[in-house]
Amino acid sequence: MFEAGYRYNIGERFKAGGDLSYLRTEDKFEKSDTNPNTVTRKSNYYMGMIIGQYSYIKTSFIDFYGSGGIGAISLSTKEEGNGGYKDNALGFAFQVNPVGLRVGKTFGAFVELGFGYKGIATEGLNYKF
């Protein structure tokens, strides 16, 4: 999943912001005894969330935090083979990360553990403006 986010400091320990995410999947189901045709399914997921974040422990180099968010997810699916199929859906999305750790000053790395539409573990790089 590719993701971009922004956080605005509301106070010393609180941040609010948003995340935009994108994921593309492609699956191929080969011809078999139970499936007479080869089918290719391509899906695109777009997700936007409003995020709140609270820092448990914060220094100039380390931020130990928890975060949560709600938003929407859009799915577009297209199947080729076996008559073809198209579908679009829009739904509710959420993420709860009780454990997050960011290390670094201006440039940093982070890891988050939780549950929701982003999965159970998220890691990446970030930059403070």
Protein backbone atom coordinates (compact mmCIF):
# COMPACT_ATOMS: atom_id res chain seq x y z
CA MET A 1 0.00 0.00 0.00
CA PHE A 2 1.29 3.46 -0.90
CA GLU A 3 0.38 6.18 1.56
CA ALA A 4 0.84 9.90 2.16
CA GLY A 5 -0.20 11.68 5.33
CA TYR A 6 -0.03 14.99 7.14
CA ARG A 7 -0.22 15.78 10.89
CA TYR A 8 -0.77 19.19 12.46
CA ASN A 9 0.31 19.82 16.07
CA ILE A 10 -2.70 20.91 18.12
CA GLY A 11 -0.82 20.88 21.41
CA GLU A 12 2.31 19.41 22.92
CA ARG A 13 0.94 15.85 22.75
CA PHE A 14 -1.98 15.99 20.27
CA LYS A 15 -1.87 15.91 16.47
CA ALA A 16 -4.64 15.79 13.88
CA GLY A 17 -4.40 15.20 10.17
CA GLY A 18 -5.23 12.90 7.33
CA ASP A 19 -3.95 10.00 5.27
CA LEU A 20 -4.49 9.07 1.62
CA SER A 21 -3.72 5.49 0.54
CA TYR A 22 -3.63 3.49 -2.70
CA LEU A 23 -3.31 -0.23 -3.37
CA ARG A 24 -3.47 -2.16 -6.63
CA THR A 25 -3.81 -5.93 -6.81
CA GLU A 26 -3.82 -8.33 -9.73
CA ASP A 27 -4.78 -11.99 -9.41
CA LYS A 28 -4.73 -14.67 -12.07
CA PHE A 29 -6.87 -17.79 -11.71
CA GLU A 30 -5.58 -20.50 -14.02
CA LYS A 31 -7.73 -22.92 -15.97
CA SER A 32 -8.51 -26.10 -13.98
CA ASP A 33 -11.03 -28.95 -13.69
CA THR A 34 -13.42 -26.74 -11.70
CA ASN A 35 -12.67 -23.51 -13.62
CA PRO A 36 -12.79 -23.91 -17.44
CA ASN A 37 -11.34 -20.44 -18.16
CA THR A 38 -8.33 -18.43 -17.07
CA VAL A 39 -9.55 -15.32 -15.24
CA THR A 40 -7.56 -12.16 -14.42
CA ARG A 41 -8.87 -9.86 -11.68
CA LYS A 42 -7.50 -6.32 -11.23
CA SER A 43 -8.53 -4.22 -8.23
CA ASN A 44 -7.75 -0.63 -7.22
CA TYR A 45 -8.32 0.56 -3.65
CA TYR A 46 -8.38 4.25 -2.68
CA MET A 47 -8.70 5.24 0.97
CA GLY A 48 -8.90 8.54 2.83
CA MET A 49 -8.92 8.92 6.62
CA ILE A 50 -9.05 11.64 9.25
CA ILE A 51 -6.42 10.78 11.90
CA GLY A 52 -5.96 11.71 15.55
CA GLN A 53 -2.67 11.03 17.35
CA TYR A 54 -1.63 11.23 21.02
CA SER A 55 2.02 11.09 22.16
CA TYR A 56 2.60 9.03 25.31
CA ILE A 57 6.31 9.88 25.46
CA LYS A 58 7.86 12.60 23.29
CA THR A 59 11.43 13.87 23.09
CA SER A 60 13.29 15.72 20.33
CA PHE A 61 14.39 12.37 18.83
CA ILE A 62 11.73 9.78 19.86
CA ASP A 63 7.93 9.89 19.75
CA PHE A 64 6.01 6.97 21.29
CA TYR A 65 2.34 7.42 20.37
CA GLY A 66 -1.05 5.93 19.63
CA SER A 67 -3.37 6.91 16.78
CA GLY A 68 -6.75 6.21 15.27
CA GLY A 69 -8.69 7.20 12.22
CA ILE A 70 -11.95 6.92 10.32
CA GLY A 71 -12.74 7.50 6.68
CA ALA A 72 -13.85 5.92 3.43
CA ILE A 73 -12.51 3.26 1.07
CA SER A 74 -13.33 2.96 -2.62
CA LEU A 75 -12.84 -0.28 -4.57
CA SER A 76 -12.85 -0.73 -8.33
CA THR A 77 -12.63 -4.31 -9.63
CA LYS A 78 -12.45 -5.64 -13.19
CA GLU A 79 -12.28 -9.31 -14.25
CA GLU A 80 -11.23 -10.43 -17.71
CA GLY A 81 -12.14 -13.91 -18.95
CA ASN A 82 -15.19 -16.05 -18.15
CA GLY A 83 -17.59 -13.36 -19.43
CA GLY A 84 -15.95 -10.41 -17.69
CA TYR A 85 -17.10 -8.51 -14.62
CA LYS A 86 -16.87 -4.96 -13.26
CA ASP A 87 -17.75 -3.61 -9.82
CA ASN A 88 -17.33 -0.41 -7.83
CA ALA A 89 -17.94 -0.11 -4.11
CA LEU A 90 -17.64 2.54 -1.41
CA GLY A 91 -17.43 1.73 2.29
CA PHE A 92 -16.40 2.76 5.80
CA ALA A 93 -12.72 2.43 6.78
CA PHE A 94 -11.00 2.62 10.16
CA GLN A 95 -7.61 2.09 11.76
CA VAL A 96 -6.62 1.88 15.45
CA ASN A 97 -2.91 1.86 16.32
CA PRO A 98 -2.39 1.77 20.09
CA VAL A 99 1.39 1.49 19.57
CA GLY A 100 3.47 3.73 17.30
CA LEU A 101 7.13 4.72 17.41
CA ARG A 102 8.88 7.44 15.39
CA VAL A 103 12.66 7.87 15.60
CA GLY A 104 14.49 10.85 14.10
CA LYS A 105 14.52 14.64 14.12
CA THR A 106 13.75 16.16 10.71
CA PHE A 107 13.94 12.90 8.77
CA GLY A 108 12.67 9.84 10.59
CA ALA A 109 11.36 6.31 10.45
CA PHE A 110 8.22 4.99 12.08
CA VAL A 111 6.46 1.73 12.87
CA GLU A 112 2.84 1.33 13.99
CA LEU A 113 1.02 -1.73 15.36
CA GLY A 114 -2.76 -2.02 15.40
CA PHE A 115 -5.74 -3.22 13.41
CA GLY A 116 -8.00 -1.95 10.65
CA TYR A 117 -7.94 -1.41 6.90
CA LYS A 118 -4.19 -0.63 6.80
CA GLY A 119 -3.36 -3.96 8.45
CA ILE A 120 -1.67 -4.92 11.71
CA ALA A 121 1.76 -3.36 11.03
CA THR A 122 2.73 -0.22 9.14
CA GLU A 123 6.22 1.15 8.69
CA GLY A 124 7.75 3.93 6.68
CA LEU A 125 9.80 7.11 6.44
CA ASN A 126 8.67 10.63 7.19
CA TYR A 127 9.77 14.24 7.18
CA LYS A 128 8.94 17.04 9.64
CA PHE A 129 8.32 20.48 8.11
